[in-house]
Protein backbone atom coordinates (compact mmCIF):
# COMPACT_ATOMS: atom_id res chain seq x y z
CA UNK A 1 106.73 108.30 112.40
CA UNK A 2 106.10 105.45 110.52
CA UNK A 3 105.95 101.85 111.39
CA UNK A 4 106.08 99.09 109.49
CA UNK A 5 105.04 95.17 110.86
CA UNK A 6 107.07 92.35 110.39
CA UNK A 7 104.83 91.13 107.65
CA UNK A 8 105.11 94.43 105.75
CA UNK A 9 108.61 94.54 106.11
CA UNK A 10 109.19 91.13 104.88
CA UNK A 11 107.37 91.88 101.59
CA UNK A 12 108.73 95.20 100.83
CA UNK A 13 112.16 93.56 101.19
CA UNK A 14 110.99 90.68 98.89
CA UNK A 15 110.19 93.57 96.01
CA UNK A 16 113.53 95.34 96.71
CA UNK A 17 115.42 91.96 96.35
CA UNK A 18 113.87 91.79 92.98
CA UNK A 19 114.53 95.14 92.38
CA UNK A 20 118.09 96.07 93.46
CA UNK A 21 118.11 99.30 91.46
CA UNK A 22 115.11 100.75 93.51
CA UNK A 23 116.33 103.50 96.10
CA UNK A 24 114.02 102.30 98.72
CA UNK A 25 110.11 102.04 99.15
CA UNK A 26 108.13 105.36 98.17
CA UNK A 27 105.01 105.80 100.70
CA UNK A 28 102.57 108.30 99.38
CA UNK A 29 99.31 109.48 98.93
CA UNK A 30 97.33 110.96 96.05
CA UNK A 31 93.90 112.48 95.50
CA UNK A 32 91.88 109.31 94.45
CA UNK A 33 88.60 107.57 95.85
CA UNK A 34 85.40 108.62 97.38
CA UNK A 35 87.00 110.13 100.31
CA UNK A 36 89.82 112.53 99.14
CA UNK A 37 93.04 110.37 99.37
CA UNK A 38 94.64 107.01 98.58
CA UNK A 39 97.71 105.21 100.02
CA UNK A 40 100.46 104.61 97.27
CA UNK A 41 103.20 102.01 98.01
CA UNK A 42 105.72 101.28 95.18
CA UNK A 43 109.60 100.79 94.88
CA UNK A 44 111.22 104.29 94.51
CA UNK A 45 113.04 104.89 91.44
CA UNK A 46 114.75 107.94 92.76
CA UNK A 47 114.77 110.06 95.76
CA UNK A 48 114.30 113.91 95.28
CA UNK A 49 115.78 116.56 97.07
CA UNK A 50 113.15 117.46 99.33
CA UNK A 51 112.14 114.02 100.15
CA UNK A 52 112.16 112.34 103.38
CA UNK A 53 114.30 109.28 103.64
CA UNK A 54 113.61 107.11 106.63
CA UNK A 55 115.68 103.72 107.55
CA UNK A 56 112.75 101.39 109.10
CA UNK A 57 113.92 98.15 110.21
CA UNK A 58 116.61 98.26 107.63
CA UNK A 59 113.92 99.24 104.55
CA UNK A 60 114.60 102.63 102.67
CA UNK A 61 111.12 104.59 102.67
CA UNK A 62 110.69 107.13 101.06
CA UNK A 63 108.13 110.06 101.48
CA UNK A 64 107.37 113.46 99.66
CA UNK A 65 107.09 116.65 101.76
CA UNK A 66 103.24 116.75 100.98
CA UNK A 67 102.69 113.23 101.82
CA UNK A 68 104.58 113.29 105.06
CA UNK A 69 101.85 115.46 107.14
CA UNK A 70 99.18 112.95 105.75
CA UNK A 71 101.31 109.63 106.86
CA UNK A 72 103.11 110.23 110.13
CA UNK A 73 102.14 108.22 112.46
CA UNK A 74 100.70 105.47 109.83
CA UNK A 75 101.48 101.73 110.91
CA UNK A 76 101.69 99.68 107.97
CA UNK A 77 100.74 95.98 107.70
CA UNK A 78 100.69 93.60 104.79
CA UNK A 79 97.80 91.22 105.44
CA UNK A 80 96.63 87.77 103.40
CA UNK A 81 93.32 86.88 103.25
CA UNK A 82 92.30 83.62 101.06
CA UNK A 83 93.44 84.30 97.62
CA UNK A 84 93.95 88.16 98.17
CA UNK A 85 97.43 89.81 99.55
CA UNK A 86 97.36 93.68 100.27
CA UNK A 87 98.92 96.45 102.34
CA UNK A 88 97.09 97.77 104.96
CA UNK A 89 97.38 101.42 107.00
CA UNK A 90 96.69 102.21 110.35
CA UNK A 91 96.62 106.02 110.01
CA UNK A 92 95.92 108.13 113.21
CA UNK A 93 95.23 111.37 111.07
CA UNK A 94 92.51 109.67 108.93
CA UNK A 95 89.04 110.92 110.04
CA UNK A 96 87.33 108.58 107.44
CA UNK A 97 87.19 105.82 105.06
CA UNK A 98 85.26 105.13 102.03
CA UNK A 99 82.80 101.97 102.50
CA UNK A 100 85.61 99.75 100.06
CA UNK A 101 88.71 101.23 102.55
CA UNK A 102 90.59 102.34 99.31
CA UNK A 103 90.43 105.96 100.18
CA UNK A 104 90.73 108.10 103.63
CA UNK A 105 89.89 111.63 104.64
CA UNK A 106 91.42 114.07 106.87
CA UNK A 107 90.12 117.07 108.52
């Protein structure tokens, strides 16, 4: 199961309030970076038949079937550091991360 901190929840609610036509928040992974996979958090334009839709703190989180095993158990946080702000992921499936933290590896 995926969890969201209050800070991440607030950020997602803000995105959804600006785009009421969105079906929810899409959480996925894609091949990228030096470690293999990168996280994607975006507005979901639609929901595919095989997508998994999770209701987390009243937020519809949409996960495709290929991403689900890689992100199951992940805690999504949102942090501000100075002028920078970003989602931060605590994924128990990740066995390694690149030095810049942009991508991760699973065994």
